[in-house]
C-alpha atoms as a PDB file:
ATOM      1  CA  MET A   1      87.786  50.330   3.363  1.00  0.00           C
ATOM      2  CA  GLY A   2      88.638  49.636   6.970  1.00  0.00           C
ATOM      3  CA  ILE A   3      86.084  48.885   9.717  1.00  0.00           C
ATOM      4  CA  ASN A   4      84.727  52.005  11.402  1.00  0.00           C
ATOM      5  CA  GLN A   5      85.562  51.932  15.107  1.00  0.00           C
ATOM      6  CA  PHE A   6      82.017  52.959  15.897  1.00  0.00           C
ATOM      7  CA  ASP A   7      80.668  49.838  14.162  1.00  0.00           C
ATOM      8  CA  LYS A   8      82.198  47.685  16.852  1.00  0.00           C
ATOM      9  CA  GLN A   9      80.062  46.952  19.913  1.00  0.00           C
ATOM     10  CA  PRO A  10      82.277  47.628  22.879  1.00  0.00           C
ATOM     11  CA  PHE A  11      82.104  45.492  26.021  1.00  0.00           C
ATOM     12  CA  ARG A  12      79.878  47.227  28.553  1.00  0.00           C
ATOM     13  CA  ALA A  13      80.980  46.520  32.088  1.00  0.00           C
ATOM     14  CA  LYS A  14      78.396  46.881  34.868  1.00  0.00           C
ATOM     15  CA  SER A  15      78.523  50.376  36.271  1.00  0.00           C
ATOM     16  CA  PRO A  16      80.147  50.625  39.722  1.00  0.00           C
ATOM     17  CA  MET A  17      77.478  53.216  40.557  1.00  0.00           C
ATOM     18  CA  LYS A  18      74.701  50.737  39.780  1.00  0.00           C
ATOM     19  CA  LYS A  19      76.399  48.159  41.959  1.00  0.00           C
ATOM     20  CA  ARG A  20      76.548  50.688  44.767  1.00  0.00           C
ATOM     21  CA  TYR A  21      72.857  51.576  44.470  1.00  0.00           C
ATOM     22  CA  SER A  22      71.919  47.912  44.286  1.00  0.00           C
ATOM     23  CA  GLY A  23      73.907  47.200  47.437  1.00  0.00           C
ATOM     24  CA  LEU A  24      72.357  50.130  49.251  1.00  0.00           C
ATOM     25  CA  ALA A  25      68.863  49.032  48.275  1.00  0.00           C
ATOM     26  CA  ALA A  26      69.500  45.510  49.555  1.00  0.00           C
ATOM     27  CA  ALA A  27      70.912  46.878  52.806  1.00  0.00           C
ATOM     28  CA  ALA A  28      67.892  49.159  53.233  1.00  0.00           C
ATOM     29  CA  ILE A  29      65.485  46.265  52.698  1.00  0.00           C
ATOM     30  CA  LEU A  30      67.393  44.157  55.221  1.00  0.00           C
ATOM     31  CA  PHE A  31      67.426  47.007  57.736  1.00  0.00           C
ATOM     32  CA  LEU A  32      63.696  47.663  57.381  1.00  0.00           C
ATOM     33  CA  GLY A  33      62.962  43.968  57.757  1.00  0.00           C
ATOM     34  CA  THR A  34      65.071  43.784  60.902  1.00  0.00           C
ATOM     35  CA  LEU A  35      63.420  46.923  62.238  1.00  0.00           C
ATOM     36  CA  ALA A  36      59.956  45.458  61.642  1.00  0.00           C
ATOM     37  CA  GLN A  37      60.949  42.295  63.488  1.00  0.00           C
ATOM     38  CA  ALA A  38      62.365  44.369  66.359  1.00  0.00           C
ATOM     39  CA  GLN A  39      59.140  46.290  67.001  1.00  0.00           C
ATOM     40  CA  PRO A  40      58.107  45.430  70.573  1.00  0.00           C
ATOM     41  CA  ASN A  41      54.909  43.543  71.240  1.00  0.00           C
ATOM     42  CA  LEU A  42      53.125  41.677  74.009  1.00  0.00           C
ATOM     43  CA  THR A  43      52.251  37.993  73.570  1.00  0.00           C
ATOM     44  CA  LYS A  44      49.920  36.317  76.044  1.00  0.00           C
ATOM     45  CA  ILE A  45      51.477  33.435  77.998  1.00  0.00           C
ATOM     46  CA  TRP A  46      48.874  32.508  80.582  1.00  0.00           C
ATOM     47  CA  GLU A  47      45.912  33.753  82.580  1.00  0.00           C
ATOM     48  CA  THR A  48      44.913  32.781  86.093  1.00  0.00           C
ATOM     49  CA  LYS A  49      41.488  31.453  86.907  1.00  0.00           C
ATOM     50  CA  ALA A  50      38.965  34.229  87.525  1.00  0.00           C
ATOM     51  CA  GLU A  51      39.205  33.745  91.271  1.00  0.00           C
ATOM     52  CA  LEU A  52      40.939  36.966  92.319  1.00  0.00           C
ATOM     53  CA  PRO A  53      38.278  39.424  93.516  1.00  0.00           C
ATOM     54  CA  VAL A  54      38.989  42.713  91.716  1.00  0.00           C
ATOM     55  CA  PRO A  55      42.796  42.561  91.448  1.00  0.00           C
ATOM     56  CA  GLU A  56      44.233  46.083  91.338  1.00  0.00           C
ATOM     57  CA  SER A  57      48.004  45.645  91.546  1.00  0.00           C
ATOM     58  CA  VAL A  58      50.624  42.960  90.903  1.00  0.00           C
ATOM     59  CA  LEU A  59      54.081  42.937  92.498  1.00  0.00           C
ATOM     60  CA  TYR A  60      56.655  40.513  91.095  1.00  0.00           C
ATOM     61  CA  SER A  61      59.083  39.193  93.721  1.00  0.00           C
ATOM     62  CA  ALA A  62      62.218  37.545  92.344  1.00  0.00           C
ATOM     63  CA  LYS A  63      63.313  36.561  95.843  1.00  0.00           C
ATOM     64  CA  ASP A  64      60.037  34.867  96.750  1.00  0.00           C
ATOM     65  CA  LYS A  65      59.517  33.533  93.200  1.00  0.00           C
ATOM     66  CA  LEU A  66      55.880  34.550  93.131  1.00  0.00           C
ATOM     67  CA  LEU A  67      53.453  37.393  92.559  1.00  0.00           C
ATOM     68  CA  TYR A  68      51.692  39.381  95.240  1.00  0.00           C
ATOM     69  CA  VAL A  69      48.271  40.572  94.099  1.00  0.00           C
ATOM     70  CA  SER A  70      46.137  43.175  95.888  1.00  0.00           C
ATOM     71  CA  ASN A  71      42.405  42.437  95.688  1.00  0.00           C
ATOM     72  CA  ILE A  72      39.899  45.227  96.328  1.00  0.00           C
ATOM     73  CA  ASP A  73      36.850  42.903  96.383  1.00  0.00           C
ATOM     74  CA  GLY A  74      34.397  45.786  96.618  1.00  0.00           C
ATOM     75  CA  GLN A  75      34.417  49.529  96.009  1.00  0.00           C
ATOM     76  CA  ALA A  76      37.805  51.143  95.421  1.00  0.00           C
ATOM     77  CA  GLY A  77      37.316  53.776  98.122  1.00  0.00           C
ATOM     78  CA  GLU A  78      35.139  51.957 100.638  1.00  0.00           C
ATOM     79  CA  LYS A  79      36.217  50.756 104.080  1.00  0.00           C
ATOM     80  CA  ASP A  80      34.437  47.417 104.071  1.00  0.00           C
ATOM     81  CA  GLY A  81      37.123  45.024 105.344  1.00  0.00           C
ATOM     82  CA  LYS A  82      36.761  42.849 102.228  1.00  0.00           C
ATOM     83  CA  GLY A  83      40.162  43.586 100.690  1.00  0.00           C
ATOM     84  CA  SER A  84      42.943  41.005 100.598  1.00  0.00           C
ATOM     85  CA  ILE A  85      46.392  40.098  99.306  1.00  0.00           C
ATOM     86  CA  ALA A  86      46.836  36.957  97.203  1.00  0.00           C
ATOM     87  CA  LYS A  87      49.854  34.877  96.240  1.00  0.00           C
ATOM     88  CA  VAL A  88      50.108  33.647  92.653  1.00  0.00           C
ATOM     89  CA  GLY A  89      52.767  31.340  91.200  1.00  0.00           C
ATOM     90  CA  LEU A  90      54.881  32.342  88.218  1.00  0.00           C
ATOM     91  CA  ASP A  91      53.066  29.625  86.261  1.00  0.00           C
ATOM     92  CA  GLY A  92      49.720  31.351  86.740  1.00  0.00           C
ATOM     93  CA  LYS A  93      48.412  29.003  89.432  1.00  0.00           C
ATOM     94  CA  ILE A  94      46.801  30.709  92.408  1.00  0.00           C
ATOM     95  CA  ILE A  95      48.672  29.717  95.567  1.00  0.00           C
ATOM     96  CA  ASP A  96      46.403  31.503  98.038  1.00  0.00           C
ATOM     97  CA  SER A  97      43.695  33.954  96.959  1.00  0.00           C
ATOM     98  CA  ASN A  98      43.195  35.146 100.550  1.00  0.00           C
ATOM     99  CA  TRP A  99      46.707  35.084 102.021  1.00  0.00           C
ATOM    100  CA  VAL A 100      46.092  38.299 104.002  1.00  0.00           C
ATOM    101  CA  SER A 101      42.500  39.362 104.687  1.00  0.00           C
ATOM    102  CA  GLY A 102      40.686  42.137 106.527  1.00  0.00           C
ATOM    103  CA  LEU A 103      41.975  45.008 104.394  1.00  0.00           C
ATOM    104  CA  ASN A 104      39.727  47.611 102.806  1.00  0.00           C
ATOM    105  CA  ALA A 105      40.687  48.510  99.237  1.00  0.00           C
ATOM    106  CA  PRO A 106      44.386  47.595  98.911  1.00  0.00           C
ATOM    107  CA  LYS A 107      46.180  48.865  95.838  1.00  0.00           C
ATOM    108  CA  GLY A 108      49.893  49.639  95.292  1.00  0.00           C
ATOM    109  CA  MET A 109      52.580  47.491  96.891  1.00  0.00           C
ATOM    110  CA  GLY A 110      56.309  47.530  97.543  1.00  0.00           C
ATOM    111  CA  LYS A 111      58.623  45.074  99.279  1.00  0.00           C
ATOM    112  CA  MET A 112      61.610  45.810 101.499  1.00  0.00           C
ATOM    113  CA  GLY A 113      63.277  42.971 103.365  1.00  0.00           C
ATOM    114  CA  TYR A 114      60.545  40.799 104.840  1.00  0.00           C
ATOM    115  CA  SER A 115      58.000  43.608 104.822  1.00  0.00           C
ATOM    116  CA  LEU A 116      55.325  44.142 102.194  1.00  0.00           C
ATOM    117  CA  TYR A 117      53.923  47.685 102.228  1.00  0.00           C
ATOM    118  CA  VAL A 118      50.422  48.233 100.834  1.00  0.00           C
ATOM    119  CA  THR A 119      48.289  51.350 100.355  1.00  0.00           C
ATOM    120  CA  ASP A 120      44.825  50.954 101.872  1.00  0.00           C
ATOM    121  CA  ILE A 121      42.676  54.099 101.320  1.00  0.00           C
ATOM    122  CA  ASP A 122      44.145  56.231 104.142  1.00  0.00           C
ATOM    123  CA  HIS A 123      46.732  53.916 105.696  1.00  0.00           C
ATOM    124  CA  ILE A 124      49.931  52.146 104.728  1.00  0.00           C
ATOM    125  CA  VAL A 125      49.780  48.543 105.897  1.00  0.00           C
ATOM    126  CA  GLU A 126      52.996  46.656 106.646  1.00  0.00           C
ATOM    127  CA  ILE A 127      52.778  42.861 106.300  1.00  0.00           C
ATOM    128  CA  HIS A 128      55.397  40.239 107.193  1.00  0.00           C
ATOM    129  CA  THR A 129      55.995  38.194 104.048  1.00  0.00           C
ATOM    130  CA  LYS A 130      56.929  35.021 105.924  1.00  0.00           C
ATOM    131  CA  THR A 131      53.954  34.899 108.266  1.00  0.00           C
ATOM    132  CA  GLY A 132      51.302  37.039 106.562  1.00  0.00           C
ATOM    133  CA  LYS A 133      50.880  38.898 109.851  1.00  0.00           C
ATOM    134  CA  ILE A 134      50.048  42.605 109.785  1.00  0.00           C
ATOM    135  CA  LEU A 135      52.946  44.303 111.590  1.00  0.00           C
ATOM    136  CA  ASN A 136      51.881  47.956 111.422  1.00  0.00           C
ATOM    137  CA  LYS A 137      49.316  50.344 110.052  1.00  0.00           C
ATOM    138  CA  TYR A 138      50.545  53.863 109.357  1.00  0.00           C
ATOM    139  CA  PRO A 139      47.749  56.466 109.179  1.00  0.00           C
ATOM    140  CA  VAL A 140      48.098  59.216 106.575  1.00  0.00           C
ATOM    141  CA  GLU A 141      46.466  62.412 107.775  1.00  0.00           C
ATOM    142  CA  GLY A 142      43.992  63.881 105.306  1.00  0.00           C
ATOM    143  CA  ALA A 143      44.351  60.977 102.852  1.00  0.00           C
ATOM    144  CA  LYS A 144      41.337  60.061 100.732  1.00  0.00           C
ATOM    145  CA  PHE A 145      42.423  57.624  98.012  1.00  0.00           C
ATOM    146  CA  LEU A 146      45.935  56.256  98.427  1.00  0.00           C
ATOM    147  CA  ASN A 147      46.955  54.420  95.285  1.00  0.00           C
ATOM    148  CA  ASP A 148      50.371  53.303  94.016  1.00  0.00           C
ATOM    149  CA  LEU A 149      53.532  52.843  96.083  1.00  0.00           C
ATOM    150  CA  THR A 150      57.273  52.576  95.424  1.00  0.00           C
ATOM    151  CA  ILE A 151      60.403  52.195  97.558  1.00  0.00           C
ATOM    152  CA  ASP A 152      63.785  53.714  96.726  1.00  0.00           C
ATOM    153  CA  ALA A 153      67.240  52.342  97.528  1.00  0.00           C
ATOM    154  CA  LYS A 154      67.435  54.382 100.747  1.00  0.00           C
ATOM    155  CA  GLY A 155      64.235  52.910 102.171  1.00  0.00           C
ATOM    156  CA  ASN A 156      62.002  55.888 101.479  1.00  0.00           C
ATOM    157  CA  ILE A 157      58.451  54.730 100.732  1.00  0.00           C
ATOM    158  CA  PHE A 158      56.617  57.053  98.351  1.00  0.00           C
ATOM    159  CA  PHE A 159      52.925  56.781  97.519  1.00  0.00           C
ATOM    160  CA  THR A 160      50.247  58.736  95.687  1.00  0.00           C
ATOM    161  CA  ASP A 161      46.846  60.053  96.732  1.00  0.00           C
ATOM    162  CA  MET A 162      44.777  60.378  93.589  1.00  0.00           C
ATOM    163  CA  GLN A 163      42.066  62.543  95.147  1.00  0.00           C
ATOM    164  CA  THR A 164      44.154  64.992  97.167  1.00  0.00           C
ATOM    165  CA  LYS A 165      46.694  65.169  94.277  1.00  0.00           C
ATOM    166  CA  LYS A 166      49.644  64.599  96.591  1.00  0.00           C
ATOM    167  CA  ILE A 167      52.664  62.378  96.993  1.00  0.00           C
ATOM    168  CA  HIS A 168      53.510  61.284 100.522  1.00  0.00           C
ATOM    169  CA  LYS A 169      56.611  59.711 102.021  1.00  0.00           C
ATOM    170  CA  LEU A 170      56.952  57.137 104.790  1.00  0.00           C
ATOM    171  CA  TYR A 171      60.384  56.835 106.346  1.00  0.00           C
ATOM    172  CA  LYS A 172      61.228  55.125 109.636  1.00  0.00           C
ATOM    173  CA  GLY A 173      57.582  55.128 110.646  1.00  0.00           C
ATOM    174  CA  GLN A 174      57.016  58.829 109.953  1.00  0.00           C
ATOM    175  CA  VAL A 175      54.650  60.053 107.246  1.00  0.00           C
ATOM    176  CA  SER A 176      55.149  63.402 105.504  1.00  0.00           C
ATOM    177  CA  THR A 177      53.856  65.140 102.383  1.00  0.00           C
ATOM    178  CA  TYR A 178      56.512  65.158  99.655  1.00  0.00           C
ATOM    179  CA  HIS A 179      54.820  66.950  96.726  1.00  0.00           C
ATOM    180  CA  GLU A 180      51.454  68.585  96.036  1.00  0.00           C
ATOM    181  CA  ASN A 181      49.313  70.035  93.249  1.00  0.00           C
ATOM    182  CA  LEU A 182      49.408  67.235  90.709  1.00  0.00           C
ATOM    183  CA  THR A 183      46.433  66.500  88.447  1.00  0.00           C
ATOM    184  CA  ARG A 184      45.384  62.916  89.154  1.00  0.00           C
ATOM    185  CA  PRO A 185      48.482  61.003  90.305  1.00  0.00           C
ATOM    186  CA  ASN A 186      48.304  57.234  90.239  1.00  0.00           C
ATOM    187  CA  GLY A 187      51.358  55.151  89.281  1.00  0.00           C
ATOM    188  CA  ILE A 188      54.709  55.945  90.862  1.00  0.00           C
ATOM    189  CA  LEU A 189      58.183  54.476  90.371  1.00  0.00           C
ATOM    190  CA  ALA A 190      61.455  55.309  92.129  1.00  0.00           C
ATOM    191  CA  LEU A 191      64.438  55.713  89.802  1.00  0.00           C
ATOM    192  CA  GLY A 192      67.547  56.580  91.753  1.00  0.00           C
ATOM    193  CA  THR A 193      66.775  59.850  93.509  1.00  0.00           C
ATOM    194  CA  ASP A 194      63.929  60.680  91.082  1.00  0.00           C
ATOM    195  CA  LEU A 195      60.307  59.596  90.913  1.00  0.00           C
ATOM    196  CA  LEU A 196      58.258  58.844  87.813  1.00  0.00           C
ATOM    197  CA  ILE A 197      54.559  59.623  88.141  1.00  0.00           C
ATOM    198  CA  ALA A 198      51.668  58.580  85.900  1.00  0.00           C
ATOM    199  CA  ASP A 199      49.458  61.649  86.165  1.00  0.00           C
ATOM    200  CA  ASN A 200      46.243  61.702  84.129  1.00  0.00           C
ATOM    201  CA  GLY A 201      47.797  60.384  80.911  1.00  0.00           C
ATOM    202  CA  VAL A 202      51.106  62.203  81.325  1.00  0.00           C
ATOM    203  CA  LEU A 203      54.335  60.605  82.548  1.00  0.00           C
ATOM    204  CA  LYS A 204      56.204  63.057  84.757  1.00  0.00           C
ATOM    205  CA  ARG A 205      59.580  63.043  86.475  1.00  0.00           C
ATOM    206  CA  LEU A 206      59.965  64.519  89.941  1.00  0.00           C
ATOM    207  CA  SER A 207      63.562  65.363  90.845  1.00  0.00           C
ATOM    208  CA  GLY A 208      63.560  66.254  94.504  1.00  0.00           C
ATOM    209  CA  PRO A 209      60.341  67.552  96.047  1.00  0.00           C
ATOM    210  CA  ASP A 210      59.923  70.496  93.657  1.00  0.00           C
ATOM    211  CA  LYS A 211      61.425  69.976  90.170  1.00  0.00           C
ATOM    212  CA  LEU A 212      58.716  68.470  87.954  1.00  0.00           C
ATOM    213  CA  THR A 213      59.215  67.800  84.233  1.00  0.00           C
ATOM    214  CA  VAL A 214      57.219  66.001  81.534  1.00  0.00           C
ATOM    215  CA  VAL A 215      58.680  62.755  80.145  1.00  0.00           C
ATOM    216  CA  ALA A 216      55.831  61.789  77.793  1.00  0.00           C
ATOM    217  CA  GLU A 217      52.204  62.638  77.179  1.00  0.00           C
ATOM    218  CA  GLY A 218      49.244  61.643  75.035  1.00  0.00           C
ATOM    219  CA  MET A 219      48.270  58.460  76.901  1.00  0.00           C
ATOM    220  CA  ASP A 220      44.800  57.552  78.138  1.00  0.00           C
ATOM    221  CA  PRO A 221      43.840  59.627  81.224  1.00  0.00           C
ATOM    222  CA  SER A 222      43.394  56.432  83.265  1.00  0.00           C
ATOM    223  CA  SER A 223      47.192  55.928  83.405  1.00  0.00           C
ATOM    224  CA  ASP A 224      48.017  53.501  86.203  1.00  0.00           C
ATOM    225  CA  GLY A 225      51.180  51.411  86.642  1.00  0.00           C
ATOM    226  CA  ILE A 226      54.776  52.173  85.562  1.00  0.00           C
ATOM    227  CA  GLU A 227      57.645  49.744  84.967  1.00  0.00           C
ATOM    228  CA  GLU A 228      61.124  50.409  83.587  1.00  0.00           C
ATOM    229  CA  ILE A 229      62.132  47.922  80.875  1.00  0.00           C
ATOM    230  CA  ARG A 230      65.543  49.474  80.118  1.00  0.00           C
ATOM    231  CA  PRO A 231      67.186  52.799  81.004  1.00  0.00           C
ATOM    232  CA  GLY A 232      64.993  55.564  79.627  1.00  0.00           C
ATOM    233  CA  GLU A 233      62.190  53.272  78.409  1.00  0.00           C
ATOM    234  CA  TYR A 234      59.046  52.440  80.341  1.00  0.00           C
ATOM    235  CA  LEU A 235      55.768  50.587  80.218  1.00  0.00           C
ATOM    236  CA  VAL A 236      52.719  52.527  81.376  1.00  0.00           C
ATOM    237  CA  SER A 237      49.417  50.738  81.906  1.00  0.00           C
ATOM    238  CA  CYS A 238      46.056  52.451  81.799  1.00  0.00           C
ATOM    239  CA  TRP A 239      43.086  51.133  83.750  1.00  0.00           C
ATOM    240  CA  ALA A 240      40.825  51.393  80.688  1.00  0.00           C
ATOM    241  CA  GLY A 241      42.694  48.468  79.087  1.00  0.00           C
ATOM    242  CA  LEU A 242      45.815  49.876  77.453  1.00  0.00           C
ATOM    243  CA  ILE A 243      49.555  49.471  77.830  1.00  0.00           C
ATOM    244  CA  TYR A 244      51.990  51.929  76.257  1.00  0.00           C
ATOM    245  CA  LEU A 245      55.693  51.851  75.593  1.00  0.00           C
ATOM    246  CA  VAL A 246      57.353  55.170  76.400  1.00  0.00           C
ATOM    247  CA  LYS A 247      60.579  55.490  74.419  1.00  0.00           C
ATOM    248  CA  SER A 248      63.716  57.357  75.396  1.00  0.00           C
ATOM    249  CA  ASP A 249      62.843  60.264  73.073  1.00  0.00           C
ATOM    250  CA  GLY A 250      59.472  60.741  74.808  1.00  0.00           C
ATOM    251  CA  SER A 251      57.427  59.186  72.014  1.00  0.00           C
ATOM    252  CA  VAL A 252      54.620  56.794  72.933  1.00  0.00           C
ATOM    253  CA  GLU A 253      53.615  53.523  71.269  1.00  0.00           C
ATOM    254  CA  LYS A 254      50.524  51.476  72.118  1.00  0.00           C
ATOM    255  CA  LEU A 255      51.394  47.817  72.788  1.00  0.00           C
ATOM    256  CA  LEU A 256      48.073  46.492  74.088  1.00  0.00           C
ATOM    257  CA  ASP A 257      44.435  47.536  73.848  1.00  0.00           C
ATOM    258  CA  THR A 258      41.787  45.318  75.427  1.00  0.00           C
ATOM    259  CA  SER A 259      39.306  48.123  76.021  1.00  0.00           C
ATOM    260  CA  ALA A 260      36.909  46.837  73.346  1.00  0.00           C
ATOM    261  CA  GLN A 261      36.679  43.546  75.279  1.00  0.00           C
ATOM    262  CA  LYS A 262      36.144  45.541  78.487  1.00  0.00           C
ATOM    263  CA  ILE A 263      39.255  44.001  80.016  1.00  0.00           C
ATOM    264  CA  ASN A 264      41.035  46.395  82.336  1.00  0.00           C
ATOM    265  CA  SER A 265      44.792  46.691  82.807  1.00  0.00           C
ATOM    266  CA  ALA A 266      45.478  48.174  86.218  1.00  0.00           C
ATOM    267  CA  ASP A 267      48.810  48.409  88.113  1.00  0.00           C
ATOM    268  CA  ILE A 268      51.199  46.062  86.289  1.00  0.00           C
ATOM    269  CA  GLY A 269      54.131  44.033  87.590  1.00  0.00           C
ATOM    270  CA  TYR A 270      57.283  43.181  85.622  1.00  0.00           C
ATOM    271  CA  ASP A 271      59.977  40.506  85.604  1.00  0.00           C
ATOM    272  CA  ASN A 272      62.914  42.379  84.083  1.00  0.00           C
ATOM    273  CA  ARG A 273      65.052  39.267  83.602  1.00  0.00           C
ATOM    274  CA  LYS A 274      62.476  37.208  81.706  1.00  0.00           C
ATOM    275  CA  LYS A 275      60.711  40.284  80.294  1.00  0.00           C
ATOM    276  CA  ILE A 276      57.265  39.213  81.419  1.00  0.00           C
ATOM    277  CA  VAL A 277      54.506  41.735  82.149  1.00  0.00           C
ATOM    278  CA  TYR A 278      51.841  40.802  84.708  1.00  0.00           C
ATOM    279  CA  VAL A 279      48.503  42.551  84.215  1.00  0.00           C
ATOM    280  CA  PRO A 280      45.690  42.646  86.792  1.00  0.00           C
ATOM    281  CA  THR A 281      42.375  42.713  84.915  1.00  0.00           C
ATOM    282  CA  PHE A 282      40.378  44.299  87.745  1.00  0.00           C
ATOM    283  CA  LEU A 283      36.715  43.542  86.979  1.00  0.00           C
ATOM    284  CA  LYS A 284      37.624  40.300  85.148  1.00  0.00           C
ATOM    285  CA  ASN A 285      39.104  38.919  88.396  1.00  0.00           C
ATOM    286  CA  SER A 286      42.310  37.503  86.921  1.00  0.00           C
ATOM    287  CA  VAL A 287      45.964  38.221  86.214  1.00  0.00           C
ATOM    288  CA  VAL A 288      47.338  37.814  82.686  1.00  0.00           C
ATOM    289  CA  ALA A 289      51.027  37.281  81.864  1.00  0.00           C
ATOM    290  CA  TYR A 290      52.455  38.678  78.613  1.00  0.00           C
ATOM    291  CA  GLN A 291      55.866  38.112  77.085  1.00  0.00           C
ATOM    292  CA  LEU A 292      57.468  41.361  75.999  1.00  0.00           C
ATOM    293  CA  LYS A 293      59.313  40.770  72.717  1.00  0.00           C
END
């Protein structure tokens, strides 16, 4: 009797389909691992000595290779003459904690040429960056609590009033009201012809004086500073001690939370080339530098 063909054990080659699934699984694992590594985070680099009296805002200057820091040194809305501007090195060493004195409650800053513009309750103060001399003080009629400030490419200086819920503009020495009826506007950032506004936990875009849209929401109501890290993506700090990443799709991710330690994070500065975030800690009297990874 011959051998039945079914008694033979045929060679079983590995299924091409199994190979495909195996390859896909490996690729998926690799992708997820890469994605996990790519999740942004903030790593502390340094912290200044606690010798900056109530720092509210940090402005990074690539040209001057230093940080300007506005110090309230008192109540945020009180005209007491105790406010100042400090200079801090990019290594965290305080160059001069009282570079410009005699201000009230300085907050947001912007630099154009050799002029540093600072909000100071109901005035915009212009300071010469080479001499530290106050060049001008621009009164803002009806202002109560001027806060953040930004300058666009055309030299328009925009700034918020958190109490009157307005945005004002200073151009060639003339002050005007640009937009009204916000909720609690604080941070402001010029992006081309548009403005981004941190308004009570909501990031808004103002296109021209009237067209207002929502970019992202769901952040802490104490939203403060805004910095662009790449087109369509932003960092938003909140005074209570939080920093959020706003993604291009409008979603929000928390990168830092120091609220449990009662460490504030007011109006941040940002070095876009080195990707370093500078955080004024307000009541802790220091500035902390974080590497954005």
